[in-house]
């Protein structure tokens, strides 16, 4: 069986980052965020979250590089206060800027169906997702992914800025 075609968006990203090697930085792997998103800010948020609020250095540096005055105020606030994770039981919530592995694979499969002209079955097989799950997502039945798209966490679904 012939492999499904690669979407033009994915090809552009491959060409732009060719030869850079592999990276575990969220900013290098967050294909669902628009290209205009500040990589330093994203990596700073990710480091802050992974360190349980202790390591704020990258986030503060990214905020200080910004042209927006509100970002400088937020950097100042972060320098003066220590963050603490909310206490309580239950599962840790996924940060608003990130996706679970399953959600990421579903978004990739959807992009391939819509942009690459690939059948739903081919996309499901290529991205190792259940085809019924992908069909439900493409038919608007996955409420968790609809909420993610409403918040603007996936590329191409972010609402326009007013």
Protein backbone atom coordinates (compact mmCIF):
# COMPACT_ATOMS: atom_id res chain seq x y z
CA UNK A 1 0.00 0.00 0.00
CA UNK A 2 1.25 3.46 -0.95
CA UNK A 3 1.93 5.77 2.03
CA UNK A 4 -0.38 8.80 2.30
CA UNK A 5 0.97 12.09 0.91
CA UNK A 6 2.60 14.59 3.24
CA UNK A 7 0.62 17.78 3.81
CA UNK A 8 2.11 21.01 2.37
CA UNK A 9 2.17 22.57 5.86
CA UNK A 10 4.23 19.67 7.21
CA UNK A 11 6.61 19.90 4.22
CA UNK A 12 7.14 23.63 4.89
CA UNK A 13 7.98 22.94 8.52
CA UNK A 14 10.38 20.14 7.54
CA UNK A 15 12.17 22.42 5.07
CA UNK A 16 12.34 25.29 7.55
CA UNK A 17 13.94 23.12 10.24
CA UNK A 18 16.03 20.81 8.05
CA UNK A 19 19.34 19.77 9.57
CA UNK A 20 18.50 21.00 13.06
CA UNK A 21 18.35 17.52 14.54
CA UNK A 22 15.92 16.22 17.09
CA UNK A 23 14.60 18.31 19.93
CA UNK A 24 12.47 17.66 22.97
CA UNK A 25 11.57 21.34 23.38
CA UNK A 26 7.84 21.86 23.30
CA UNK A 27 8.30 24.80 20.93
CA UNK A 28 9.97 22.50 18.38
CA UNK A 29 7.21 19.91 18.59
CA UNK A 30 4.02 21.95 19.08
CA UNK A 31 2.80 21.77 15.47
CA UNK A 32 -0.73 22.73 16.61
CA UNK A 33 0.30 26.26 17.58
CA UNK A 34 0.55 29.01 14.95
CA UNK A 35 4.03 29.78 13.63
CA UNK A 36 3.87 33.31 15.05
CA UNK A 37 3.82 31.96 18.61
CA UNK A 38 6.86 33.03 20.65
CA UNK A 39 9.02 29.92 21.11
CA UNK A 40 10.84 31.38 24.12
CA UNK A 41 7.57 32.07 25.88
CA UNK A 42 6.28 28.56 25.17
CA UNK A 43 9.49 26.91 26.43
CA UNK A 44 9.40 29.16 29.50
CA UNK A 45 5.82 28.14 30.29
CA UNK A 46 6.70 24.48 29.77
CA UNK A 47 9.78 24.68 32.04
CA UNK A 48 7.79 26.49 34.71
CA UNK A 49 5.10 23.80 34.60
CA UNK A 50 7.57 20.90 34.63
CA UNK A 51 9.44 22.39 37.61
CA UNK A 52 6.22 22.81 39.62
CA UNK A 53 6.55 26.58 39.47
CA UNK A 54 10.16 26.77 40.69
CA UNK A 55 12.17 27.52 37.51
CA UNK A 56 10.89 30.81 36.10
CA UNK A 57 14.09 31.95 34.37
CA UNK A 58 13.16 31.16 30.75
CA UNK A 59 9.67 32.59 31.10
CA UNK A 60 10.89 35.80 32.71
CA UNK A 61 13.55 36.22 30.01
CA UNK A 62 10.97 35.72 27.24
CA UNK A 63 8.58 38.21 28.84
CA UNK A 64 11.34 40.80 29.19
CA UNK A 65 12.18 40.51 25.47
CA UNK A 66 8.61 41.40 24.57
CA UNK A 67 7.58 44.82 23.29
CA UNK A 68 4.37 44.77 25.34
CA UNK A 69 4.43 46.65 28.63
CA UNK A 70 2.06 44.13 30.22
CA UNK A 71 4.63 41.36 29.62
CA UNK A 72 7.28 43.38 31.49
CA UNK A 73 4.86 43.84 34.39
CA UNK A 74 4.17 40.10 34.45
CA UNK A 75 7.94 39.38 34.44
CA UNK A 76 8.35 41.73 37.40
CA UNK A 77 5.51 40.00 39.25
CA UNK A 78 7.04 36.56 38.60
CA UNK A 79 10.40 37.75 39.92
CA UNK A 80 8.83 38.96 43.16
CA UNK A 81 6.52 36.02 43.93
CA UNK A 82 6.87 32.26 44.16
CA UNK A 83 4.26 30.19 42.40
CA UNK A 84 2.69 27.19 44.02
CA UNK A 85 0.65 24.43 42.40
CA UNK A 86 -2.95 24.16 43.55
CA UNK A 87 -3.32 21.46 46.13
CA UNK A 88 -5.96 18.82 45.79
CA UNK A 89 -6.45 15.33 44.55
CA UNK A 90 -7.11 14.13 41.12
CA UNK A 91 -5.20 14.00 37.92
CA UNK A 92 -2.86 16.82 36.88
CA UNK A 93 -4.47 18.97 34.21
CA UNK A 94 -2.83 19.29 30.81
CA UNK A 95 -1.56 22.87 30.32
CA UNK A 96 -3.74 24.96 27.99
CA UNK A 97 -0.88 25.33 25.46
CA UNK A 98 -0.20 21.59 25.16
CA UNK A 99 -1.97 18.52 23.76
CA UNK A 100 -1.96 14.90 24.87
CA UNK A 101 -0.31 12.40 22.53
CA UNK A 102 -3.70 11.08 21.38
CA UNK A 103 -5.04 14.58 20.73
CA UNK A 104 -1.90 15.51 18.79
CA UNK A 105 -2.19 12.42 16.60
CA UNK A 106 -5.88 13.13 15.97
CA UNK A 107 -5.10 16.72 14.95
CA UNK A 108 -2.35 15.48 12.59
CA UNK A 109 -4.73 12.95 11.06
CA UNK A 110 -7.40 15.62 10.61
CA UNK A 111 -4.89 17.96 8.94
CA UNK A 112 -3.86 15.16 6.59
CA UNK A 113 -7.47 14.38 5.63
CA UNK A 114 -8.40 18.03 5.09
CA UNK A 115 -5.16 19.38 3.55
CA UNK A 116 -3.63 16.27 2.04
CA UNK A 117 -6.68 14.72 0.41
CA UNK A 118 -6.04 11.43 2.20
CA UNK A 119 -8.85 9.05 3.12
CA UNK A 120 -9.89 8.86 6.75
CA UNK A 121 -8.76 5.24 6.94
CA UNK A 122 -5.28 6.07 5.59
CA UNK A 123 -4.86 8.97 8.00
CA UNK A 124 -6.02 6.87 10.96
CA UNK A 125 -3.54 4.12 10.09
CA UNK A 126 -0.68 6.57 9.45
CA UNK A 127 -1.13 8.28 12.83
CA UNK A 128 -2.06 5.18 14.84
CA UNK A 129 -5.51 6.37 15.88
CA UNK A 130 -8.74 4.41 15.95
CA UNK A 131 -10.67 5.21 12.75
CA UNK A 132 -13.96 5.51 14.68
CA UNK A 133 -12.31 8.05 16.98
CA UNK A 134 -11.03 10.02 13.97
CA UNK A 135 -14.45 9.87 12.29
CA UNK A 136 -16.08 11.16 15.47
CA UNK A 137 -13.57 14.03 15.60
CA UNK A 138 -14.05 14.92 11.93
CA UNK A 139 -17.83 14.81 12.39
CA UNK A 140 -17.65 17.21 15.35
CA UNK A 141 -18.51 14.63 18.01
CA UNK A 142 -15.33 14.88 20.10
CA UNK A 143 -16.30 17.55 22.60
CA UNK A 144 -12.86 17.56 24.25
CA UNK A 145 -11.18 18.45 20.95
CA UNK A 146 -13.90 20.97 20.07
CA UNK A 147 -13.14 22.74 23.37
CA UNK A 148 -9.43 22.72 22.51
CA UNK A 149 -10.12 24.27 19.11
CA UNK A 150 -12.41 26.91 20.62
CA UNK A 151 -9.57 27.98 22.91
CA UNK A 152 -7.40 28.34 19.82
CA UNK A 153 -4.82 25.71 20.69
CA UNK A 154 -4.56 24.15 17.25
CA UNK A 155 -3.02 25.79 14.20
CA UNK A 156 -5.56 27.05 11.72
CA UNK A 157 -8.37 27.07 14.28
CA UNK A 158 -7.30 30.07 16.34
CA UNK A 159 -10.04 32.74 16.29
CA UNK A 160 -8.95 35.99 14.61
CA UNK A 161 -7.69 38.75 16.90
CA UNK A 162 -10.12 41.62 17.28
